[in-house]
Amino acid sequence: MPKCPHVKKIRDVKPNSSGCEDCLKIGDDWVHLRLCLSCGHVGCCDSSKNKHATRHFHATEHPVVRSMEPGEDWMWCYVDEVVL
């Protein structure tokens, strides 16, 4: 695993939603989901037109997300731009 000091900010969180929170509010759809490991926010990936997971990072500076896709267990640090 690449070294990343931001893994210290990872919390034991539960997803706030079963879908992209922001897309659900506006009635839109998404491609894949990402879970913020600081607060539990569920956002859509950068392949989705709204890119809500990245928007959440820019708004909150919460650095690490985890894929919520079945069979995937990777994480991403937005600050260091590295897969964990």
PDB file of N, CA and C in Angstrom:
ATOM      1  N   MET A   1       0.851  -1.179   0.000  1.00  0.00           N
ATOM      2  CA  MET A   1       0.000   0.000   0.000  1.00  0.00           C
ATOM      3  C   MET A   1       0.899   1.245   0.000  1.00  0.00           C
ATOM      4  N   PRO A   2       0.620   2.201  -0.890  1.00  0.00           N
ATOM      5  CA  PRO A   2       1.398   3.440  -0.890  1.00  0.00           C
ATOM      6  C   PRO A   2       1.253   4.171   0.441  1.00  0.00           C
ATOM      7  N   LYS A   3       2.308   4.859   0.819  1.00  0.00           N
ATOM      8  CA  LYS A   3       2.248   5.632   2.061  1.00  0.00           C
ATOM      9  C   LYS A   3       1.430   6.895   1.822  1.00  0.00           C
ATOM     10  N   CYS A   4       0.545   7.154   2.742  1.00  0.00           N
ATOM     11  CA  CYS A   4      -0.320   8.321   2.644  1.00  0.00           C
ATOM     12  C   CYS A   4      -0.667   8.747   4.065  1.00  0.00           C
ATOM     13  N   PRO A   5      -0.284   9.953   4.464  1.00  0.00           N
ATOM     14  CA  PRO A   5      -0.581  10.391   5.823  1.00  0.00           C
ATOM     15  C   PRO A   5      -2.074  10.598   6.083  1.00  0.00           C
ATOM     16  N   HIS A   6      -2.853  10.667   5.026  1.00  0.00           N
ATOM     17  CA  HIS A   6      -4.284  10.938   5.179  1.00  0.00           C
ATOM     18  C   HIS A   6      -5.081   9.730   5.654  1.00  0.00           C
ATOM     19  N   VAL A   7      -4.471   8.541   5.650  1.00  0.00           N
ATOM     20  CA  VAL A   7      -5.187   7.366   6.164  1.00  0.00           C
ATOM     21  C   VAL A   7      -5.503   7.543   7.651  1.00  0.00           C
ATOM     22  N   LYS A   8      -4.786   8.428   8.325  1.00  0.00           N
ATOM     23  CA  LYS A   8      -5.058   8.711   9.738  1.00  0.00           C
ATOM     24  C   LYS A   8      -6.421   9.383   9.926  1.00  0.00           C
ATOM     25  N   LYS A   9      -6.961   9.945   8.858  1.00  0.00           N
ATOM     26  CA  LYS A   9      -8.251  10.634   8.943  1.00  0.00           C
ATOM     27  C   LYS A   9      -9.429   9.697   8.675  1.00  0.00           C
ATOM     28  N   ILE A  10      -9.142   8.442   8.370  1.00  0.00           N
ATOM     29  CA  ILE A  10     -10.197   7.468   8.107  1.00  0.00           C
ATOM     30  C   ILE A  10     -10.928   7.143   9.410  1.00  0.00           C
ATOM     31  N   ARG A  11     -12.238   7.178   9.350  1.00  0.00           N
ATOM     32  CA  ARG A  11     -13.097   6.871  10.493  1.00  0.00           C
ATOM     33  C   ARG A  11     -13.945   5.643  10.164  1.00  0.00           C
ATOM     34  N   ASP A  12     -14.477   5.024  11.191  1.00  0.00           N
ATOM     35  CA  ASP A  12     -15.405   3.914  11.012  1.00  0.00           C
ATOM     36  C   ASP A  12     -16.776   4.522  10.738  1.00  0.00           C
ATOM     37  N   VAL A  13     -17.119   4.642   9.467  1.00  0.00           N
ATOM     38  CA  VAL A  13     -18.360   5.316   9.079  1.00  0.00           C
ATOM     39  C   VAL A  13     -19.338   4.342   8.447  1.00  0.00           C
ATOM     40  N   LYS A  14     -20.586   4.703   8.505  1.00  0.00           N
ATOM     41  CA  LYS A  14     -21.653   3.983   7.813  1.00  0.00           C
ATOM     42  C   LYS A  14     -22.126   4.890   6.677  1.00  0.00           C
ATOM     43  N   PRO A  15     -22.456   4.315   5.518  1.00  0.00           N
ATOM     44  CA  PRO A  15     -22.970   5.140   4.421  1.00  0.00           C
ATOM     45  C   PRO A  15     -24.234   5.887   4.825  1.00  0.00           C
ATOM     46  N   ASN A  16     -24.306   7.159   4.500  1.00  0.00           N
ATOM     47  CA  ASN A  16     -25.481   7.979   4.794  1.00  0.00           C
ATOM     48  C   ASN A  16     -26.657   7.642   3.887  1.00  0.00           C
ATOM     49  N   SER A  17     -26.396   6.899   2.799  1.00  0.00           N
ATOM     50  CA  SER A  17     -27.415   6.634   1.805  1.00  0.00           C
ATOM     51  C   SER A  17     -27.038   5.374   1.032  1.00  0.00           C
ATOM     52  N   SER A  18     -27.995   4.794   0.325  1.00  0.00           N
ATOM     53  CA  SER A  18     -27.692   3.640  -0.529  1.00  0.00           C
ATOM     54  C   SER A  18     -27.385   4.074  -1.960  1.00  0.00           C
ATOM     55  N   GLY A  19     -27.492   5.383  -2.226  1.00  0.00           N
ATOM     56  CA  GLY A  19     -27.178   5.941  -3.540  1.00  0.00           C
ATOM     57  C   GLY A  19     -26.496   7.275  -3.355  1.00  0.00           C
ATOM     58  N   CYS A  20     -26.124   7.924  -4.442  1.00  0.00           N
ATOM     59  CA  CYS A  20     -25.490   9.241  -4.359  1.00  0.00           C
ATOM     60  C   CYS A  20     -26.482  10.215  -3.710  1.00  0.00           C
ATOM     61  N   GLU A  21     -26.092  10.732  -2.561  1.00  0.00           N
ATOM     62  CA  GLU A  21     -26.987  11.621  -1.807  1.00  0.00           C
ATOM     63  C   GLU A  21     -27.442  12.819  -2.633  1.00  0.00           C
ATOM     64  N   ASP A  22     -26.503  13.429  -3.341  1.00  0.00           N
ATOM     65  CA  ASP A  22     -26.815  14.646  -4.091  1.00  0.00           C
ATOM     66  C   ASP A  22     -27.614  14.352  -5.355  1.00  0.00           C
ATOM     67  N   CYS A  23     -27.300  13.252  -6.039  1.00  0.00           N
ATOM     68  CA  CYS A  23     -28.091  12.879  -7.222  1.00  0.00           C
ATOM     69  C   CYS A  23     -29.530  12.532  -6.819  1.00  0.00           C
ATOM     70  N   LEU A  24     -29.683  11.850  -5.690  1.00  0.00           N
ATOM     71  CA  LEU A  24     -31.037  11.524  -5.226  1.00  0.00           C
ATOM     72  C   LEU A  24     -31.843  12.790  -4.961  1.00  0.00           C
ATOM     73  N   LYS A  25     -31.195  13.822  -4.423  1.00  0.00           N
ATOM     74  CA  LYS A  25     -31.891  15.083  -4.133  1.00  0.00           C
ATOM     75  C   LYS A  25     -32.377  15.777  -5.394  1.00  0.00           C
ATOM     76  N   ILE A  26     -31.604  15.657  -6.487  1.00  0.00           N
ATOM     77  CA  ILE A  26     -31.968  16.357  -7.727  1.00  0.00           C
ATOM     78  C   ILE A  26     -32.621  15.438  -8.753  1.00  0.00           C
ATOM     79  N   GLY A  27     -32.803  14.161  -8.402  1.00  0.00           N
ATOM     80  CA  GLY A  27     -33.462  13.225  -9.303  1.00  0.00           C
ATOM     81  C   GLY A  27     -32.602  12.799 -10.470  1.00  0.00           C
ATOM     82  N   ASP A  28     -31.290  12.755 -10.281  1.00  0.00           N
ATOM     83  CA  ASP A  28     -30.375  12.370 -11.356  1.00  0.00           C
ATOM     84  C   ASP A  28     -29.820  10.979 -11.096  1.00  0.00           C
ATOM     85  N   ASP A  29     -29.051  10.463 -12.035  1.00  0.00           N
ATOM     86  CA  ASP A  29     -28.473   9.134 -11.877  1.00  0.00           C
ATOM     87  C   ASP A  29     -26.953   9.217 -11.813  1.00  0.00           C
ATOM     88  N   TRP A  30     -26.316   8.076 -11.579  1.00  0.00           N
ATOM     89  CA  TRP A  30     -24.866   8.022 -11.406  1.00  0.00           C
ATOM     90  C   TRP A  30     -24.343   6.742 -12.028  1.00  0.00           C
ATOM     91  N   VAL A  31     -22.998   6.646 -12.121  1.00  0.00           N
ATOM     92  CA  VAL A  31     -22.347   5.459 -12.675  1.00  0.00           C
ATOM     93  C   VAL A  31     -21.869   4.551 -11.539  1.00  0.00           C
ATOM     94  N   HIS A  32     -20.994   5.065 -10.672  1.00  0.00           N
ATOM     95  CA  HIS A  32     -20.469   4.304  -9.539  1.00  0.00           C
ATOM     96  C   HIS A  32     -20.512   5.179  -8.293  1.00  0.00           C
ATOM     97  N   LEU A  33     -20.438   4.533  -7.127  1.00  0.00           N
ATOM     98  CA  LEU A  33     -20.531   5.256  -5.863  1.00  0.00           C
ATOM     99  C   LEU A  33     -19.235   5.212  -5.071  1.00  0.00           C
ATOM    100  N   ARG A  34     -18.979   6.302  -4.341  1.00  0.00           N
ATOM    101  CA  ARG A  34     -17.813   6.424  -3.467  1.00  0.00           C
ATOM    102  C   ARG A  34     -18.289   6.831  -2.081  1.00  0.00           C
ATOM    103  N   LEU A  35     -17.667   6.251  -1.057  1.00  0.00           N
ATOM    104  CA  LEU A  35     -18.003   6.523   0.335  1.00  0.00           C
ATOM    105  C   LEU A  35     -16.902   7.363   0.965  1.00  0.00           C
ATOM    106  N   CYS A  36     -17.250   8.524   1.499  1.00  0.00           N
ATOM    107  CA  CYS A  36     -16.297   9.362   2.216  1.00  0.00           C
ATOM    108  C   CYS A  36     -15.978   8.675   3.541  1.00  0.00           C
ATOM    109  N   LEU A  37     -14.697   8.444   3.777  1.00  0.00           N
ATOM    110  CA  LEU A  37     -14.289   7.739   4.989  1.00  0.00           C
ATOM    111  C   LEU A  37     -14.047   8.670   6.164  1.00  0.00           C
ATOM    112  N   SER A  38     -14.440   9.931   6.010  1.00  0.00           N
ATOM    113  CA  SER A  38     -14.412  10.868   7.134  1.00  0.00           C
ATOM    114  C   SER A  38     -15.799  11.048   7.739  1.00  0.00           C
ATOM    115  N   CYS A  39     -16.852  11.047   6.880  1.00  0.00           N
ATOM    116  CA  CYS A  39     -18.191  11.375   7.386  1.00  0.00           C
ATOM    117  C   CYS A  39     -19.309  10.465   6.901  1.00  0.00           C
ATOM    118  N   GLY A  40     -19.049   9.564   5.958  1.00  0.00           N
ATOM    119  CA  GLY A  40     -20.092   8.666   5.477  1.00  0.00           C
ATOM    120  C   GLY A  40     -20.889   9.179   4.290  1.00  0.00           C
ATOM    121  N   HIS A  41     -20.525  10.338   3.754  1.00  0.00           N
ATOM    122  CA  HIS A  41     -21.210  10.876   2.570  1.00  0.00           C
ATOM    123  C   HIS A  41     -21.044   9.907   1.407  1.00  0.00           C
ATOM    124  N   VAL A  42     -22.121   9.656   0.686  1.00  0.00           N
ATOM    125  CA  VAL A  42     -22.081   8.816  -0.508  1.00  0.00           C
ATOM    126  C   VAL A  42     -22.214   9.734  -1.714  1.00  0.00           C
ATOM    127  N   GLY A  43     -21.217   9.683  -2.593  1.00  0.00           N
ATOM    128  CA  GLY A  43     -21.226  10.523  -3.788  1.00  0.00           C
ATOM    129  C   GLY A  43     -20.917   9.710  -5.022  1.00  0.00           C
ATOM    130  N   CYS A  44     -21.268  10.269  -6.160  1.00  0.00           N
ATOM    131  CA  CYS A  44     -21.009   9.590  -7.424  1.00  0.00           C
ATOM    132  C   CYS A  44     -19.574   9.852  -7.890  1.00  0.00           C
ATOM    133  N   CYS A  45     -19.056   8.920  -8.689  1.00  0.00           N
ATOM    134  CA  CYS A  45     -17.674   8.954  -9.147  1.00  0.00           C
ATOM    135  C   CYS A  45     -17.462   9.991 -10.261  1.00  0.00           C
ATOM    136  N   ASP A  46     -16.223  10.146 -10.673  1.00  0.00           N
ATOM    137  CA  ASP A  46     -15.890  11.106 -11.722  1.00  0.00           C
ATOM    138  C   ASP A  46     -16.329  10.654 -13.112  1.00  0.00           C
ATOM    139  N   SER A  47     -16.731   9.398 -13.270  1.00  0.00           N
ATOM    140  CA  SER A  47     -17.320   8.955 -14.533  1.00  0.00           C
ATOM    141  C   SER A  47     -18.786   9.362 -14.623  1.00  0.00           C
ATOM    142  N   SER A  48     -19.365   9.745 -13.503  1.00  0.00           N
ATOM    143  CA  SER A  48     -20.737  10.258 -13.465  1.00  0.00           C
ATOM    144  C   SER A  48     -20.705  11.736 -13.827  1.00  0.00           C
ATOM    145  N   LYS A  49     -21.761  12.223 -14.447  1.00  0.00           N
ATOM    146  CA  LYS A  49     -21.731  13.610 -14.925  1.00  0.00           C
ATOM    147  C   LYS A  49     -21.641  14.644 -13.812  1.00  0.00           C
ATOM    148  N   ASN A  50     -22.144  14.325 -12.617  1.00  0.00           N
ATOM    149  CA  ASN A  50     -22.147  15.309 -11.534  1.00  0.00           C
ATOM    150  C   ASN A  50     -20.905  15.275 -10.642  1.00  0.00           C
ATOM    151  N   LYS A  51     -20.194  14.168 -10.627  1.00  0.00           N
ATOM    152  CA  LYS A  51     -18.941  14.039  -9.861  1.00  0.00           C
ATOM    153  C   LYS A  51     -19.095  14.502  -8.408  1.00  0.00           C
ATOM    154  N   HIS A  52     -20.136  14.047  -7.756  1.00  0.00           N
ATOM    155  CA  HIS A  52     -20.434  14.525  -6.406  1.00  0.00           C
ATOM    156  C   HIS A  52     -19.415  14.113  -5.353  1.00  0.00           C
ATOM    157  N   ALA A  53     -18.745  12.974  -5.511  1.00  0.00           N
ATOM    158  CA  ALA A  53     -17.725  12.578  -4.532  1.00  0.00           C
ATOM    159  C   ALA A  53     -16.572  13.581  -4.554  1.00  0.00           C
ATOM    160  N   THR A  54     -16.125  13.972  -5.729  1.00  0.00           N
ATOM    161  CA  THR A  54     -15.044  14.959  -5.843  1.00  0.00           C
ATOM    162  C   THR A  54     -15.518  16.323  -5.362  1.00  0.00           C
ATOM    163  N   ARG A  55     -16.746  16.680  -5.677  1.00  0.00           N
ATOM    164  CA  ARG A  55     -17.290  17.955  -5.186  1.00  0.00           C
ATOM    165  C   ARG A  55     -17.326  17.976  -3.659  1.00  0.00           C
ATOM    166  N   HIS A  56     -17.671  16.832  -3.056  1.00  0.00           N
ATOM    167  CA  HIS A  56     -17.686  16.727  -1.598  1.00  0.00           C
ATOM    168  C   HIS A  56     -16.277  16.952  -1.042  1.00  0.00           C
ATOM    169  N   PHE A  57     -15.274  16.363  -1.675  1.00  0.00           N
ATOM    170  CA  PHE A  57     -13.892  16.574  -1.235  1.00  0.00           C
ATOM    171  C   PHE A  57     -13.528  18.056  -1.278  1.00  0.00           C
ATOM    172  N   HIS A  58     -13.837  18.729  -2.382  1.00  0.00           N
ATOM    173  CA  HIS A  58     -13.493  20.151  -2.502  1.00  0.00           C
ATOM    174  C   HIS A  58     -14.230  21.009  -1.475  1.00  0.00           C
ATOM    175  N   ALA A  59     -15.435  20.629  -1.126  1.00  0.00           N
ATOM    176  CA  ALA A  59     -16.220  21.401  -0.155  1.00  0.00           C
ATOM    177  C   ALA A  59     -15.783  21.149   1.288  1.00  0.00           C
ATOM    178  N   THR A  60     -15.314  19.929   1.574  1.00  0.00           N
ATOM    179  CA  THR A  60     -15.042  19.543   2.960  1.00  0.00           C
ATOM    180  C   THR A  60     -13.570  19.273   3.263  1.00  0.00           C
ATOM    181  N   GLU A  61     -12.787  18.998   2.225  1.00  0.00           N
ATOM    182  CA  GLU A  61     -11.389  18.569   2.354  1.00  0.00           C
ATOM    183  C   GLU A  61     -11.259  17.212   3.046  1.00  0.00           C
ATOM    184  N   HIS A  62     -12.307  16.399   3.017  1.00  0.00           N
ATOM    185  CA  HIS A  62     -12.219  15.028   3.516  1.00  0.00           C
ATOM    186  C   HIS A  62     -11.434  14.239   2.462  1.00  0.00           C
ATOM    187  N   PRO A  63     -10.258  13.713   2.807  1.00  0.00           N
ATOM    188  CA  PRO A  63      -9.321  13.241   1.790  1.00  0.00           C
ATOM    189  C   PRO A  63      -9.544  11.863   1.182  1.00  0.00           C
ATOM    190  N   VAL A  64     -10.116  10.907   1.916  1.00  0.00           N
ATOM    191  CA  VAL A  64     -10.118   9.522   1.435  1.00  0.00           C
ATOM    192  C   VAL A  64     -11.540   9.001   1.226  1.00  0.00           C
ATOM    193  N   VAL A  65     -11.738   8.359   0.075  1.00  0.00           N
ATOM    194  CA  VAL A  65     -13.001   7.682  -0.228  1.00  0.00           C
ATOM    195  C   VAL A  65     -12.716   6.216  -0.513  1.00  0.00           C
ATOM    196  N   ARG A  66     -13.759   5.416  -0.387  1.00  0.00           N
ATOM    197  CA  ARG A  66     -13.699   3.993  -0.718  1.00  0.00           C
ATOM    198  C   ARG A  66     -14.751   3.718  -1.770  1.00  0.00           C
ATOM    199  N   SER A  67     -14.423   2.819  -2.685  1.00  0.00           N
ATOM    200  CA  SER A  67     -15.415   2.398  -3.662  1.00  0.00           C
ATOM    201  C   SER A  67     -16.531   1.652  -2.942  1.00  0.00           C
ATOM    202  N   MET A  68     -17.762   1.900  -3.366  1.00  0.00           N
ATOM    203  CA  MET A  68     -18.919   1.166  -2.827  1.00  0.00           C
ATOM    204  C   MET A  68     -19.414   0.117  -3.821  1.00  0.00           C
ATOM    205  N   GLU A  69     -18.632  -0.131  -4.859  1.00  0.00           N
ATOM    206  CA  GLU A  69     -19.041  -1.105  -5.861  1.00  0.00           C
ATOM    207  C   GLU A  69     -18.803  -2.528  -5.363  1.00  0.00           C
ATOM    208  N   PRO A  70     -19.732  -3.437  -5.640  1.00  0.00           N
ATOM    209  CA  PRO A  70     -19.566  -4.837  -5.204  1.00  0.00           C
ATOM    210  C   PRO A  70     -18.254  -5.419  -5.726  1.00  0.00           C
ATOM    211  N   GLY A  71     -17.532  -6.096  -4.836  1.00  0.00           N
ATOM    212  CA  GLY A  71     -16.278  -6.741  -5.227  1.00  0.00           C
ATOM    213  C   GLY A  71     -15.067  -5.823  -5.261  1.00  0.00           C
ATOM    214  N   GLU A  72     -15.248  -4.540  -5.007  1.00  0.00           N
ATOM    215  CA  GLU A  72     -14.127  -3.598  -5.007  1.00  0.00           C
ATOM    216  C   GLU A  72     -13.825  -3.189  -3.565  1.00  0.00           C
ATOM    217  N   ASP A  73     -12.542  -3.146  -3.221  1.00  0.00           N
ATOM    218  CA  ASP A  73     -12.183  -2.759  -1.860  1.00  0.00           C
ATOM    219  C   ASP A  73     -11.082  -1.700  -1.829  1.00  0.00           C
ATOM    220  N   TRP A  74     -10.906  -0.978  -2.925  1.00  0.00           N
ATOM    221  CA  TRP A  74      -9.866   0.043  -2.984  1.00  0.00           C
ATOM    222  C   TRP A  74     -10.350   1.371  -2.412  1.00  0.00           C
ATOM    223  N   MET A  75      -9.356   2.176  -2.034  1.00  0.00           N
ATOM    224  CA  MET A  75      -9.616   3.526  -1.537  1.00  0.00           C
ATOM    225  C   MET A  75      -8.815   4.504  -2.394  1.00  0.00           C
ATOM    226  N   TRP A  76      -9.195   5.773  -2.357  1.00  0.00           N
ATOM    227  CA  TRP A  76      -8.522   6.820  -3.118  1.00  0.00           C
ATOM    228  C   TRP A  76      -8.298   8.021  -2.224  1.00  0.00           C
ATOM    229  N   CYS A  77      -7.076   8.562  -2.248  1.00  0.00           N
ATOM    230  CA  CYS A  77      -6.788   9.799  -1.540  1.00  0.00           C
ATOM    231  C   CYS A  77      -6.775  10.929  -2.554  1.00  0.00           C
ATOM    232  N   TYR A  78      -7.687  11.870  -2.407  1.00  0.00           N
ATOM    233  CA  TYR A  78      -7.759  13.003  -3.318  1.00  0.00           C
ATOM    234  C   TYR A  78      -6.535  13.912  -3.193  1.00  0.00           C
ATOM    235  N   VAL A  79      -6.015  14.070  -1.992  1.00  0.00           N
ATOM    236  CA  VAL A  79      -4.886  14.979  -1.776  1.00  0.00           C
ATOM    237  C   VAL A  79      -3.626  14.449  -2.463  1.00  0.00           C
ATOM    238  N   ASP A  80      -3.291  13.194  -2.196  1.00  0.00           N
ATOM    239  CA  ASP A  80      -2.077  12.604  -2.748  1.00  0.00           C
ATOM    240  C   ASP A  80      -2.288  11.960  -4.124  1.00  0.00           C
ATOM    241  N   GLU A  81      -3.544  11.896  -4.561  1.00  0.00           N
ATOM    242  CA  GLU A  81      -3.912  11.283  -5.841  1.00  0.00           C
ATOM    243  C   GLU A  81      -3.293   9.881  -5.975  1.00  0.00           C
ATOM    244  N   VAL A  82      -3.615   9.044  -4.978  1.00  0.00           N
ATOM    245  CA  VAL A  82      -3.066   7.690  -4.942  1.00  0.00           C
ATOM    246  C   VAL A  82      -4.140   6.696  -4.519  1.00  0.00           C
ATOM    247  N   VAL A  83      -4.083   5.510  -5.137  1.00  0.00           N
ATOM    248  CA  VAL A  83      -4.969   4.419  -4.750  1.00  0.00           C
ATOM    249  C   VAL A  83      -4.367   3.761  -3.525  1.00  0.00           C
ATOM    250  N   LEU A  84      -5.212   3.479  -2.560  1.00  0.00           N
ATOM    251  CA  LEU A  84      -4.768   2.855  -1.307  1.00  0.00           C
ATOM    252  C   LEU A  84      -5.334   1.439  -1.200  1.00  0.00           C
TER     253      LEU A  84
END
